[in-house]
Amino acid sequence: QVQLVESGGGLVQAGGPLRLSCAASGRTFDTYTMGWFRQAPGKEREFVAGASWSGGSTYYADSVKGRFTISRDNAKNTVYLEMNSLKPEDTAVYYCAARIYGLGYETTTYDYPYWGQGTQVTVSS
């Protein structure tokens, strides 16, 4: 099993940047595909970005392509979400998720058995 703890959320003005971090427990971080999801009030949780366990691929929701970047540091057991050009519609609770191995394109909540507690991101206009 793996435990995930997100950090870095907060209040930011539209157009600004923010970086989220997700620290994972355990010694097999490099065998986990990592994902970021978000959930706005009254909406379903949606996929934002993913990074394959092999490090060979990253993939994004269309709504964040070109603005968000996912990266991982296996030496630190940490995955990051660099968010730029933030918009008010990016306001949500952001969740880190993990699954063992994977094929490199998992984008649904059902694909990920392990979740963090979430961190709030609020973008003001």
Protein backbone atom coordinates (compact mmCIF):
# COMPACT_ATOMS: atom_id res chain seq x y z
CA GLN A 1 0.00 0.00 0.00
CA VAL A 2 0.99 3.62 -0.43
CA GLN A 3 -0.04 6.72 1.52
CA LEU A 4 -0.27 10.05 -0.24
CA VAL A 5 -0.10 13.55 1.22
CA GLU A 6 -0.74 16.62 -0.93
CA SER A 7 0.49 20.12 -0.20
CA GLY A 8 0.86 23.47 -1.93
CA GLY A 9 -2.74 24.50 -2.40
CA GLY A 10 -3.95 28.01 -1.69
CA LEU A 11 -5.47 31.19 -3.05
CA VAL A 12 -4.01 32.64 -6.24
CA GLN A 13 -5.04 35.34 -8.68
CA ALA A 14 -6.11 34.44 -12.18
CA GLY A 15 -3.12 34.16 -14.47
CA GLY A 16 -0.79 33.21 -11.65
CA PRO A 17 1.15 30.01 -10.95
CA LEU A 18 0.94 27.43 -8.21
CA ARG A 19 2.79 24.18 -7.60
CA LEU A 20 1.25 21.21 -5.86
CA SER A 21 3.28 18.41 -4.33
CA CYS A 22 2.29 14.89 -3.37
CA ALA A 23 4.57 12.90 -1.09
CA ALA A 24 4.20 9.13 -1.14
CA SER A 25 5.18 6.64 1.52
CA GLY A 26 6.86 3.35 0.81
CA ARG A 27 9.93 2.19 -1.03
CA THR A 28 8.40 1.24 -4.36
CA PHE A 29 7.33 4.66 -5.63
CA ASP A 30 8.88 3.99 -9.02
CA THR A 31 6.37 1.18 -9.62
CA TYR A 32 3.36 3.50 -9.27
CA THR A 33 1.62 5.43 -11.99
CA MET A 34 0.67 8.77 -10.45
CA GLY A 35 -2.29 10.96 -11.25
CA TRP A 36 -3.78 14.30 -10.32
CA PHE A 37 -7.54 14.77 -10.20
CA ARG A 38 -9.73 17.66 -9.11
CA GLN A 39 -13.25 18.12 -7.85
CA ALA A 40 -15.14 21.39 -7.91
CA PRO A 41 -18.25 21.92 -5.76
CA GLY A 42 -21.24 20.10 -7.18
CA LYS A 43 -19.17 18.37 -9.86
CA GLU A 44 -17.68 14.94 -10.29
CA ARG A 45 -14.02 14.30 -9.71
CA GLU A 46 -12.15 14.68 -12.98
CA PHE A 47 -8.78 13.68 -14.31
CA VAL A 48 -6.16 16.41 -14.66
CA ALA A 49 -2.78 14.81 -15.39
CA GLY A 50 -0.92 11.51 -15.13
CA ALA A 51 2.67 10.28 -15.13
CA SER A 52 3.43 6.67 -15.91
CA TRP A 53 5.43 4.49 -13.51
CA SER A 54 8.16 4.05 -16.10
CA GLY A 55 8.57 7.79 -16.44
CA GLY A 56 8.10 7.39 -20.14
CA SER A 57 4.87 9.27 -20.57
CA THR A 58 2.75 12.06 -19.21
CA TYR A 59 -0.81 12.84 -20.24
CA TYR A 60 -3.25 15.64 -19.60
CA ALA A 61 -6.87 16.62 -19.74
CA ASP A 62 -7.57 18.91 -22.68
CA SER A 63 -8.63 21.67 -20.29
CA VAL A 64 -5.13 21.96 -18.79
CA LYS A 65 -2.87 21.06 -21.70
CA GLY A 66 -0.22 23.67 -22.23
CA ARG A 67 -0.82 25.20 -18.77
CA PHE A 68 -0.15 22.35 -16.32
CA THR A 69 2.88 20.09 -16.07
CA ILE A 70 3.14 16.88 -14.08
CA SER A 71 6.54 15.62 -13.02
CA ARG A 72 7.92 13.10 -10.57
CA ASP A 73 11.07 12.78 -8.51
CA ASN A 74 11.44 9.11 -7.66
CA ALA A 75 14.38 9.82 -5.36
CA LYS A 76 12.07 11.97 -3.21
CA ASN A 77 8.94 9.81 -3.63
CA THR A 78 7.15 12.93 -4.81
CA VAL A 79 4.99 13.94 -7.74
CA TYR A 80 4.37 17.56 -8.64
CA LEU A 81 1.74 19.49 -10.53
CA GLU A 82 3.02 22.81 -11.87
CA MET A 83 0.04 24.99 -12.74
CA ASN A 84 0.41 28.16 -14.79
CA SER A 85 -2.03 30.66 -16.29
CA LEU A 86 -4.59 29.64 -13.72
CA LYS A 87 -8.24 30.40 -14.38
CA PRO A 88 -11.16 30.74 -11.97
CA GLU A 89 -12.55 27.51 -13.43
CA ASP A 90 -9.47 25.69 -12.11
CA THR A 91 -10.81 26.24 -8.59
CA ALA A 92 -11.27 22.82 -6.98
CA VAL A 93 -9.93 20.39 -4.44
CA TYR A 94 -6.96 18.68 -6.06
CA TYR A 95 -6.24 15.05 -5.28
CA CYS A 96 -3.17 12.95 -5.83
CA ALA A 97 -3.76 9.32 -6.79
CA ALA A 98 -1.64 6.23 -7.36
CA ARG A 99 -1.88 2.79 -8.90
CA ILE A 100 0.67 0.04 -9.22
CA TYR A 101 2.24 -0.07 -12.67
CA GLY A 102 -0.41 0.70 -15.28
CA LEU A 103 -0.29 1.19 -19.02
CA GLY A 104 0.42 4.89 -19.06
CA TYR A 105 -2.97 6.36 -19.93
CA GLU A 106 -5.18 5.80 -16.89
CA THR A 107 -7.63 8.69 -16.61
CA THR A 108 -10.59 7.51 -14.53
CA THR A 109 -11.01 7.41 -10.77
CA TYR A 110 -11.57 3.65 -11.01
CA ASP A 111 -8.02 3.20 -12.28
CA TYR A 112 -6.50 4.48 -9.03
CA PRO A 113 -6.99 2.64 -5.72
CA TYR A 114 -4.90 5.01 -3.58
CA TRP A 115 -5.82 8.62 -2.87
CA GLY A 116 -4.59 11.56 -0.85
CA GLN A 117 -6.81 13.77 1.28
CA GLY A 118 -6.84 16.64 -1.21
CA THR A 119 -5.66 20.24 -1.19
CA GLN A 120 -7.82 23.26 -2.01
CA VAL A 121 -6.90 25.51 -4.93
CA THR A 122 -8.86 28.73 -5.29
CA VAL A 123 -8.31 31.04 -8.24
CA SER A 124 -9.73 34.54 -7.88
CA SER A 125 -10.74 36.63 -10.88
